[in-house]
């Protein structure tokens, strides 16, 4: 039997990245802008970063399913 709590947490994190890749990529860029001269409200993620967030979100979601069902 898998670990349902851990599986659901991982699935949730992955789904957020897969469903809202632009928002998660922008949040990462805002965190990265801390301490720089650029304002956090001015940053925009590159297209490749948004695509990468979607791909990793799908992968993390699939991994969460593996954990959930102990495959």
C-alpha atoms as a PDB file:
ATOM      1  CA  UNK A   1       0.000   0.000   0.000  1.00  0.00           C
ATOM      2  CA  UNK A   2       1.285   3.467  -0.929  1.00  0.00           C
ATOM      3  CA  UNK A   3       1.502   6.515   1.222  1.00  0.00           C
ATOM      4  CA  UNK A   4      -1.739   8.395   0.488  1.00  0.00           C
ATOM      5  CA  UNK A   5      -0.841  11.621   2.314  1.00  0.00           C
ATOM      6  CA  UNK A   6       2.537  12.013   0.617  1.00  0.00           C
ATOM      7  CA  UNK A   7       1.079  11.019  -2.744  1.00  0.00           C
ATOM      8  CA  UNK A   8      -1.673  13.625  -2.523  1.00  0.00           C
ATOM      9  CA  UNK A   9       0.779  16.362  -1.504  1.00  0.00           C
ATOM     10  CA  UNK A  10       3.062  15.555  -4.442  1.00  0.00           C
ATOM     11  CA  UNK A  11       0.097  15.370  -6.843  1.00  0.00           C
ATOM     12  CA  UNK A  12      -1.151  18.764  -5.624  1.00  0.00           C
ATOM     13  CA  UNK A  13       2.243  20.419  -6.074  1.00  0.00           C
ATOM     14  CA  UNK A  14       2.627  18.914  -9.540  1.00  0.00           C
ATOM     15  CA  UNK A  15      -0.884  19.871 -10.588  1.00  0.00           C
ATOM     16  CA  UNK A  16      -0.304  23.492  -9.588  1.00  0.00           C
ATOM     17  CA  UNK A  17       2.768  23.603 -11.827  1.00  0.00           C
ATOM     18  CA  UNK A  18       0.963  21.878 -14.688  1.00  0.00           C
ATOM     19  CA  UNK A  19      -2.253  23.913 -14.570  1.00  0.00           C
ATOM     20  CA  UNK A  20      -0.756  27.347 -13.825  1.00  0.00           C
ATOM     21  CA  UNK A  21       2.757  27.235 -15.310  1.00  0.00           C
ATOM     22  CA  UNK A  22       2.898  30.972 -16.053  1.00  0.00           C
ATOM     23  CA  UNK A  23       1.956  31.949 -12.503  1.00  0.00           C
ATOM     24  CA  UNK A  24       4.455  29.548 -10.940  1.00  0.00           C
ATOM     25  CA  UNK A  25       7.235  30.660 -13.306  1.00  0.00           C
ATOM     26  CA  UNK A  26       6.474  34.313 -12.576  1.00  0.00           C
ATOM     27  CA  UNK A  27       6.534  33.624  -8.830  1.00  0.00           C
ATOM     28  CA  UNK A  28       9.957  31.978  -9.227  1.00  0.00           C
ATOM     29  CA  UNK A  29      11.204  35.028 -11.148  1.00  0.00           C
ATOM     30  CA  UNK A  30       9.860  37.360  -8.457  1.00  0.00           C
ATOM     31  CA  UNK A  31      11.700  35.395  -5.784  1.00  0.00           C
ATOM     32  CA  UNK A  32      14.836  35.528  -7.938  1.00  0.00           C
ATOM     33  CA  UNK A  33      14.486  39.332  -8.259  1.00  0.00           C
ATOM     34  CA  UNK A  34      14.821  39.842  -4.513  1.00  0.00           C
ATOM     35  CA  UNK A  35      17.998  41.789  -3.882  1.00  0.00           C
ATOM     36  CA  UNK A  36      18.400  42.933  -7.494  1.00  0.00           C
ATOM     37  CA  UNK A  37      17.792  46.399  -8.866  1.00  0.00           C
ATOM     38  CA  UNK A  38      14.830  45.146 -10.868  1.00  0.00           C
ATOM     39  CA  UNK A  39      11.428  45.416  -9.234  1.00  0.00           C
ATOM     40  CA  UNK A  40       9.647  42.133  -8.570  1.00  0.00           C
ATOM     41  CA  UNK A  41       6.520  43.487 -10.260  1.00  0.00           C
ATOM     42  CA  UNK A  42       8.423  44.049 -13.534  1.00  0.00           C
ATOM     43  CA  UNK A  43       9.762  40.534 -14.059  1.00  0.00           C
ATOM     44  CA  UNK A  44       8.340  38.213 -16.701  1.00  0.00           C
ATOM     45  CA  UNK A  45       9.263  34.546 -17.178  1.00  0.00           C
ATOM     46  CA  UNK A  46      10.718  33.379 -20.477  1.00  0.00           C
ATOM     47  CA  UNK A  47       8.570  31.139 -22.669  1.00  0.00           C
ATOM     48  CA  UNK A  48      10.961  28.220 -22.192  1.00  0.00           C
ATOM     49  CA  UNK A  49      10.609  28.517 -18.407  1.00  0.00           C
ATOM     50  CA  UNK A  50       6.812  28.416 -18.602  1.00  0.00           C
ATOM     51  CA  UNK A  51       6.999  25.314 -20.832  1.00  0.00           C
ATOM     52  CA  UNK A  52       9.509  23.686 -18.502  1.00  0.00           C
ATOM     53  CA  UNK A  53       7.256  24.350 -15.499  1.00  0.00           C
ATOM     54  CA  UNK A  54       4.344  22.659 -17.298  1.00  0.00           C
ATOM     55  CA  UNK A  55       6.482  19.622 -18.218  1.00  0.00           C
ATOM     56  CA  UNK A  56       7.888  19.278 -14.709  1.00  0.00           C
ATOM     57  CA  UNK A  57       4.409  19.774 -13.225  1.00  0.00           C
ATOM     58  CA  UNK A  58       3.066  16.885 -15.297  1.00  0.00           C
ATOM     59  CA  UNK A  59       6.059  14.741 -14.340  1.00  0.00           C
ATOM     60  CA  UNK A  60       5.686  15.516 -10.633  1.00  0.00           C
ATOM     61  CA  UNK A  61       1.964  14.721 -10.834  1.00  0.00           C
ATOM     62  CA  UNK A  62       2.716  11.352 -12.437  1.00  0.00           C
ATOM     63  CA  UNK A  63       5.323  10.656  -9.762  1.00  0.00           C
ATOM     64  CA  UNK A  64       2.723  11.500  -7.106  1.00  0.00           C
ATOM     65  CA  UNK A  65       0.387   8.932  -8.651  1.00  0.00           C
ATOM     66  CA  UNK A  66       3.159   6.343  -8.430  1.00  0.00           C
ATOM     67  CA  UNK A  67       3.674   7.165  -4.761  1.00  0.00           C
ATOM     68  CA  UNK A  68      -0.060   7.149  -4.091  1.00  0.00           C
ATOM     69  CA  UNK A  69      -0.601   3.729  -5.633  1.00  0.00           C
ATOM     70  CA  UNK A  70       2.814   2.333  -4.661  1.00  0.00           C
ATOM     71  CA  UNK A  71       3.720   1.303  -8.192  1.00  0.00           C
END
